[in-house]
Amino acid sequence: MGVDHSVSIIAWHRYGPATPHRPRPIVVKFLEFEVRSDVWSKRRSLSGLVDKVWIKEDYPSVIEERRKILTPYLRSAFQGDPKNPHGKVSAYMMLDKLVINNQTFTHDTVHMIPDYIRS
């Protein structure tokens, strides 16, 4: 990944039951935020190199459930507006909130997401 090998890690541990067909996730806590940001920014360099290694943020289960509700809308927003194919749609997730064209939606306000995304 091109990350300096003198990375200081505060703690790391595996979680979940050990199974023969699935690796257990490892949670890492870095000493410095800059190192964490460096690893996070280079996570895509692993795609194509290794099948079973991925890097993702670890959220509490409540946040994960809310993100699962919002993720299909995020994917749909990336498709754009069929009525305006040249119009750009800006969409991203920030913790448990979905931001589409500078409007913020939560799992409670998915009914307010524009129709072309909800359909």
N, C-alpha and C. Protein backbone atom coordinates (compact mmCIF):
# COMPACT_ATOMS: atom_id res chain seq x y z
N MET A 1 0.82 -1.20 0.00
CA MET A 1 0.00 0.00 0.00
C MET A 1 0.85 1.26 0.00
N GLY A 2 2.13 1.13 0.25
CA GLY A 2 2.98 2.31 0.28
C GLY A 2 2.92 3.07 1.58
N VAL A 3 2.49 2.41 2.65
CA VAL A 3 2.42 3.04 3.97
C VAL A 3 3.71 2.71 4.71
N ASP A 4 4.25 3.69 5.42
CA ASP A 4 5.47 3.51 6.19
C ASP A 4 5.29 2.35 7.16
N HIS A 5 6.30 1.49 7.28
CA HIS A 5 6.18 0.30 8.13
C HIS A 5 6.36 0.60 9.61
N SER A 6 6.68 1.82 9.97
CA SER A 6 6.82 2.17 11.38
C SER A 6 5.51 2.73 11.93
N VAL A 7 4.40 2.18 11.49
CA VAL A 7 3.08 2.64 11.92
C VAL A 7 2.85 2.24 13.38
N SER A 8 2.43 3.20 14.18
CA SER A 8 2.14 2.92 15.59
C SER A 8 0.67 2.57 15.75
N ILE A 9 0.42 1.38 16.25
CA ILE A 9 -0.94 0.91 16.46
C ILE A 9 -1.19 0.85 17.95
N ILE A 10 -2.29 1.44 18.39
CA ILE A 10 -2.64 1.43 19.81
C ILE A 10 -3.15 0.05 20.21
N ALA A 11 -4.09 -0.47 19.41
CA ALA A 11 -4.69 -1.77 19.73
C ALA A 11 -5.19 -2.42 18.46
N TRP A 12 -5.23 -3.73 18.47
CA TRP A 12 -5.86 -4.46 17.38
C TRP A 12 -6.38 -5.76 17.96
N HIS A 13 -7.47 -6.22 17.40
CA HIS A 13 -8.03 -7.49 17.85
C HIS A 13 -8.91 -8.07 16.75
N ARG A 14 -9.15 -9.36 16.84
CA ARG A 14 -10.08 -10.03 15.95
C ARG A 14 -11.41 -10.13 16.66
N TYR A 15 -12.49 -10.18 15.88
CA TYR A 15 -13.77 -10.39 16.51
C TYR A 15 -14.61 -11.36 15.68
N GLY A 16 -15.63 -11.88 16.32
CA GLY A 16 -16.46 -12.88 15.67
C GLY A 16 -15.92 -14.28 15.89
N PRO A 17 -16.77 -15.28 15.66
CA PRO A 17 -16.33 -16.66 15.87
C PRO A 17 -15.37 -17.12 14.76
N ALA A 18 -14.46 -17.99 15.13
CA ALA A 18 -13.55 -18.56 14.15
C ALA A 18 -14.29 -19.61 13.33
N THR A 19 -14.24 -19.49 12.02
CA THR A 19 -14.87 -20.47 11.14
C THR A 19 -13.82 -20.92 10.11
N PRO A 20 -13.93 -22.16 9.64
CA PRO A 20 -12.91 -22.64 8.71
C PRO A 20 -13.00 -22.03 7.32
N HIS A 21 -14.15 -21.51 6.92
CA HIS A 21 -14.33 -21.03 5.55
C HIS A 21 -14.35 -19.51 5.42
N ARG A 22 -14.22 -18.82 6.52
CA ARG A 22 -14.31 -17.37 6.47
C ARG A 22 -13.30 -16.75 7.43
N PRO A 23 -12.51 -15.79 6.95
CA PRO A 23 -11.55 -15.15 7.86
C PRO A 23 -12.25 -14.25 8.87
N ARG A 24 -11.64 -14.08 10.01
CA ARG A 24 -12.20 -13.19 11.02
C ARG A 24 -11.71 -11.77 10.80
N PRO A 25 -12.59 -10.80 10.94
CA PRO A 25 -12.17 -9.40 10.78
C PRO A 25 -11.18 -8.99 11.87
N ILE A 26 -10.32 -8.07 11.51
CA ILE A 26 -9.36 -7.49 12.46
C ILE A 26 -9.67 -6.01 12.57
N VAL A 27 -9.81 -5.53 13.79
CA VAL A 27 -10.05 -4.12 14.06
C VAL A 27 -8.74 -3.51 14.53
N VAL A 28 -8.37 -2.38 13.92
CA VAL A 28 -7.10 -1.72 14.25
C VAL A 28 -7.38 -0.30 14.70
N LYS A 29 -6.73 0.11 15.78
CA LYS A 29 -6.81 1.49 16.24
C LYS A 29 -5.41 2.09 16.16
N PHE A 30 -5.27 3.15 15.35
CA PHE A 30 -3.97 3.78 15.12
C PHE A 30 -3.70 4.84 16.17
N LEU A 31 -2.43 5.07 16.44
CA LEU A 31 -2.02 6.10 17.38
C LEU A 31 -2.22 7.49 16.79
N GLU A 32 -1.91 7.64 15.49
CA GLU A 32 -2.00 8.95 14.87
C GLU A 32 -3.08 8.96 13.79
N PHE A 33 -3.86 10.02 13.77
CA PHE A 33 -4.93 10.14 12.78
C PHE A 33 -4.37 10.23 11.36
N GLU A 34 -3.21 10.84 11.21
CA GLU A 34 -2.60 10.98 9.89
C GLU A 34 -2.29 9.62 9.28
N VAL A 35 -1.84 8.68 10.10
CA VAL A 35 -1.54 7.33 9.62
C VAL A 35 -2.83 6.63 9.22
N ARG A 36 -3.87 6.78 10.03
CA ARG A 36 -5.16 6.20 9.71
C ARG A 36 -5.68 6.76 8.39
N SER A 37 -5.54 8.06 8.20
CA SER A 37 -5.98 8.70 6.95
C SER A 37 -5.18 8.20 5.77
N ASP A 38 -3.89 7.98 5.96
CA ASP A 38 -3.04 7.47 4.89
C ASP A 38 -3.47 6.06 4.48
N VAL A 39 -3.71 5.21 5.45
CA VAL A 39 -4.18 3.85 5.16
C VAL A 39 -5.54 3.90 4.48
N TRP A 40 -6.43 4.75 4.99
CA TRP A 40 -7.77 4.86 4.42
C TRP A 40 -7.73 5.33 2.97
N SER A 41 -6.87 6.30 2.67
CA SER A 41 -6.81 6.84 1.32
C SER A 41 -6.20 5.84 0.34
N LYS A 42 -5.40 4.90 0.82
CA LYS A 42 -4.75 3.93 -0.06
C LYS A 42 -5.45 2.57 -0.07
N ARG A 43 -6.62 2.47 0.52
CA ARG A 43 -7.31 1.19 0.61
C ARG A 43 -7.68 0.60 -0.74
N ARG A 44 -7.93 1.44 -1.72
CA ARG A 44 -8.32 0.94 -3.04
C ARG A 44 -7.16 0.31 -3.79
N SER A 45 -5.94 0.56 -3.34
CA SER A 45 -4.78 -0.05 -3.99
C SER A 45 -4.76 -1.57 -3.76
N LEU A 46 -5.53 -2.04 -2.80
CA LEU A 46 -5.61 -3.48 -2.54
C LEU A 46 -6.53 -4.19 -3.53
N SER A 47 -7.46 -3.48 -4.14
CA SER A 47 -8.39 -4.14 -5.05
C SER A 47 -7.63 -4.70 -6.25
N GLY A 48 -7.92 -5.93 -6.56
CA GLY A 48 -7.25 -6.60 -7.66
C GLY A 48 -6.00 -7.34 -7.22
N LEU A 49 -5.41 -6.95 -6.11
CA LEU A 49 -4.21 -7.64 -5.62
C LEU A 49 -4.57 -8.82 -4.74
N VAL A 50 -5.49 -8.60 -3.85
CA VAL A 50 -5.84 -9.62 -2.88
C VAL A 50 -7.36 -9.75 -2.84
N ASP A 51 -7.85 -10.99 -2.88
CA ASP A 51 -9.30 -11.22 -2.89
C ASP A 51 -9.94 -11.01 -1.52
N LYS A 52 -9.27 -11.39 -0.47
CA LYS A 52 -9.92 -11.46 0.83
C LYS A 52 -9.48 -10.39 1.80
N VAL A 53 -8.92 -9.31 1.28
CA VAL A 53 -8.51 -8.21 2.15
C VAL A 53 -9.28 -6.97 1.76
N TRP A 54 -9.93 -6.37 2.72
CA TRP A 54 -10.61 -5.11 2.48
C TRP A 54 -10.52 -4.27 3.73
N ILE A 55 -10.67 -2.98 3.53
CA ILE A 55 -10.58 -2.04 4.64
C ILE A 55 -11.89 -1.27 4.67
N LYS A 56 -12.52 -1.25 5.82
CA LYS A 56 -13.75 -0.48 5.98
C LYS A 56 -13.78 0.09 7.38
N GLU A 57 -14.61 1.11 7.55
CA GLU A 57 -14.74 1.70 8.87
C GLU A 57 -15.64 0.82 9.74
N ASP A 58 -15.35 0.82 11.02
CA ASP A 58 -16.12 0.01 11.97
C ASP A 58 -17.09 0.93 12.70
N TYR A 59 -18.38 0.73 12.46
CA TYR A 59 -19.42 1.53 13.10
C TYR A 59 -20.19 0.67 14.09
N PRO A 60 -20.83 1.29 15.07
CA PRO A 60 -21.73 0.55 15.96
C PRO A 60 -22.87 -0.07 15.15
N SER A 61 -23.48 -1.11 15.69
CA SER A 61 -24.52 -1.84 14.96
C SER A 61 -25.70 -0.95 14.60
N VAL A 62 -26.04 0.02 15.42
CA VAL A 62 -27.15 0.93 15.12
C VAL A 62 -26.84 1.74 13.85
N ILE A 63 -25.64 2.24 13.76
CA ILE A 63 -25.22 3.01 12.58
C ILE A 63 -25.19 2.09 11.36
N GLU A 64 -24.68 0.87 11.51
CA GLU A 64 -24.63 -0.08 10.38
C GLU A 64 -26.03 -0.36 9.84
N GLU A 65 -27.01 -0.52 10.71
CA GLU A 65 -28.38 -0.77 10.28
C GLU A 65 -28.95 0.42 9.51
N ARG A 66 -28.67 1.61 9.99
CA ARG A 66 -29.15 2.82 9.29
C ARG A 66 -28.48 2.95 7.93
N ARG A 67 -27.19 2.63 7.85
CA ARG A 67 -26.48 2.69 6.57
C ARG A 67 -27.04 1.67 5.59
N LYS A 68 -27.44 0.50 6.08
CA LYS A 68 -28.03 -0.52 5.20
C LYS A 68 -29.33 -0.03 4.58
N ILE A 69 -30.09 0.77 5.31
CA ILE A 69 -31.33 1.35 4.77
C ILE A 69 -31.01 2.37 3.69
N LEU A 70 -29.97 3.16 3.88
CA LEU A 70 -29.65 4.26 2.97
C LEU A 70 -28.81 3.85 1.76
N THR A 71 -28.09 2.76 1.85
CA THR A 71 -27.17 2.36 0.78
C THR A 71 -27.85 2.17 -0.57
N PRO A 72 -29.03 1.52 -0.67
CA PRO A 72 -29.67 1.41 -1.99
C PRO A 72 -29.98 2.76 -2.63
N TYR A 73 -30.33 3.74 -1.82
CA TYR A 73 -30.61 5.08 -2.33
C TYR A 73 -29.33 5.75 -2.83
N LEU A 74 -28.22 5.50 -2.14
CA LEU A 74 -26.94 6.03 -2.59
C LEU A 74 -26.58 5.46 -3.95
N ARG A 75 -26.72 4.15 -4.10
CA ARG A 75 -26.41 3.51 -5.38
C ARG A 75 -27.31 4.04 -6.48
N SER A 76 -28.58 4.24 -6.17
CA SER A 76 -29.51 4.77 -7.15
C SER A 76 -29.16 6.20 -7.53
N ALA A 77 -28.71 6.98 -6.56
CA ALA A 77 -28.32 8.37 -6.83
C ALA A 77 -27.13 8.43 -7.79
N PHE A 78 -26.23 7.45 -7.70
CA PHE A 78 -25.08 7.42 -8.60
C PHE A 78 -25.51 7.23 -10.05
N GLN A 79 -26.69 6.65 -10.27
CA GLN A 79 -27.18 6.45 -11.63
C GLN A 79 -27.60 7.77 -12.27
N GLY A 80 -27.91 8.76 -11.46
CA GLY A 80 -28.29 10.08 -11.96
C GLY A 80 -29.79 10.20 -12.21
N ASP A 81 -30.18 11.35 -12.70
CA ASP A 81 -31.58 11.65 -12.98
C ASP A 81 -31.86 11.34 -14.45
N PRO A 82 -32.75 10.38 -14.75
CA PRO A 82 -33.02 10.05 -16.15
C PRO A 82 -33.66 11.20 -16.93
N LYS A 83 -34.37 12.10 -16.25
CA LYS A 83 -34.97 13.25 -16.93
C LYS A 83 -33.94 14.31 -17.27
N ASN A 84 -32.82 14.29 -16.59
CA ASN A 84 -31.76 15.26 -16.83
C ASN A 84 -30.43 14.50 -16.90
N PRO A 85 -30.17 13.80 -18.02
CA PRO A 85 -28.98 12.94 -18.09
C PRO A 85 -27.66 13.70 -18.01
N HIS A 86 -27.67 14.99 -18.33
CA HIS A 86 -26.43 15.77 -18.27
C HIS A 86 -26.23 16.46 -16.94
N GLY A 87 -27.26 16.43 -16.09
CA GLY A 87 -27.14 17.04 -14.77
C GLY A 87 -26.35 16.14 -13.84
N LYS A 88 -25.46 16.73 -13.09
CA LYS A 88 -24.62 15.97 -12.18
C LYS A 88 -25.31 15.82 -10.83
N VAL A 89 -25.28 14.61 -10.28
CA VAL A 89 -25.83 14.34 -8.97
C VAL A 89 -24.67 14.07 -8.02
N SER A 90 -24.58 14.85 -6.98
CA SER A 90 -23.57 14.66 -5.96
C SER A 90 -24.19 13.84 -4.83
N ALA A 91 -23.60 12.70 -4.51
CA ALA A 91 -24.15 11.85 -3.46
C ALA A 91 -23.03 11.18 -2.68
N TYR A 92 -23.17 11.16 -1.36
CA TYR A 92 -22.22 10.47 -0.50
C TYR A 92 -22.88 10.19 0.84
N MET A 93 -22.26 9.28 1.60
CA MET A 93 -22.74 8.98 2.94
C MET A 93 -21.76 9.54 3.95
N MET A 94 -22.33 10.11 4.99
CA MET A 94 -21.53 10.65 6.07
C MET A 94 -22.09 10.06 7.36
N LEU A 95 -21.40 9.07 7.88
CA LEU A 95 -21.84 8.32 9.06
C LEU A 95 -23.17 7.65 8.75
N ASP A 96 -24.27 8.10 9.35
CA ASP A 96 -25.57 7.48 9.08
C ASP A 96 -26.51 8.45 8.36
N LYS A 97 -25.92 9.35 7.58
CA LYS A 97 -26.70 10.32 6.82
C LYS A 97 -26.33 10.21 5.34
N LEU A 98 -27.32 10.38 4.48
CA LEU A 98 -27.13 10.39 3.05
C LEU A 98 -27.24 11.82 2.56
N VAL A 99 -26.24 12.28 1.84
CA VAL A 99 -26.24 13.65 1.33
C VAL A 99 -26.35 13.57 -0.19
N ILE A 100 -27.44 14.14 -0.74
CA ILE A 100 -27.66 14.16 -2.17
C ILE A 100 -27.87 15.62 -2.57
N ASN A 101 -26.98 16.12 -3.43
CA ASN A 101 -27.04 17.51 -3.88
C ASN A 101 -27.20 18.48 -2.71
N ASN A 102 -26.38 18.30 -1.70
CA ASN A 102 -26.35 19.16 -0.51
C ASN A 102 -27.61 19.10 0.34
N GLN A 103 -28.46 18.09 0.14
CA GLN A 103 -29.61 17.86 1.01
C GLN A 103 -29.32 16.61 1.82
N THR A 104 -29.54 16.68 3.12
CA THR A 104 -29.23 15.57 4.00
C THR A 104 -30.50 14.78 4.31
N PHE A 105 -30.37 13.44 4.22
CA PHE A 105 -31.47 12.53 4.51
C PHE A 105 -30.99 11.50 5.53
N THR A 106 -31.89 11.08 6.38
CA THR A 106 -31.60 10.02 7.35
C THR A 106 -32.52 8.85 7.08
N HIS A 107 -32.37 7.79 7.87
CA HIS A 107 -33.24 6.63 7.70
C HIS A 107 -34.70 6.98 7.98
N ASP A 108 -34.94 8.04 8.75
CA ASP A 108 -36.31 8.47 9.05
C ASP A 108 -36.90 9.33 7.94
N THR A 109 -36.06 9.92 7.09
CA THR A 109 -36.56 10.84 6.08
C THR A 109 -36.37 10.32 4.66
N VAL A 110 -36.32 9.00 4.48
CA VAL A 110 -36.14 8.46 3.13
C VAL A 110 -37.33 8.77 2.24
N HIS A 111 -38.48 9.02 2.83
CA HIS A 111 -39.66 9.37 2.02
C HIS A 111 -39.51 10.73 1.35
N MET A 112 -38.54 11.53 1.79
CA MET A 112 -38.32 12.86 1.21
C MET A 112 -37.26 12.85 0.10
N ILE A 113 -36.63 11.68 -0.13
CA ILE A 113 -35.63 11.57 -1.19
C ILE A 113 -36.34 11.75 -2.53
N PRO A 114 -35.72 12.43 -3.50
CA PRO A 114 -36.36 12.67 -4.79
C PRO A 114 -36.86 11.37 -5.45
N ASP A 115 -37.97 11.49 -6.19
CA ASP A 115 -38.63 10.33 -6.77
C ASP A 115 -37.73 9.54 -7.72
N TYR A 116 -36.91 10.21 -8.50
CA TYR A 116 -36.08 9.47 -9.47
C TYR A 116 -35.06 8.57 -8.75
N ILE A 117 -34.76 8.84 -7.49
CA ILE A 117 -33.85 7.99 -6.73
C ILE A 117 -34.63 6.89 -6.03
N ARG A 118 -35.81 7.19 -5.52
CA ARG A 118 -36.59 6.20 -4.79
C ARG A 118 -37.19 5.13 -5.69
N SER A 119 -37.41 5.44 -6.97
CA SER A 119 -38.07 4.47 -7.84
C SER A 119 -37.12 3.39 -8.33
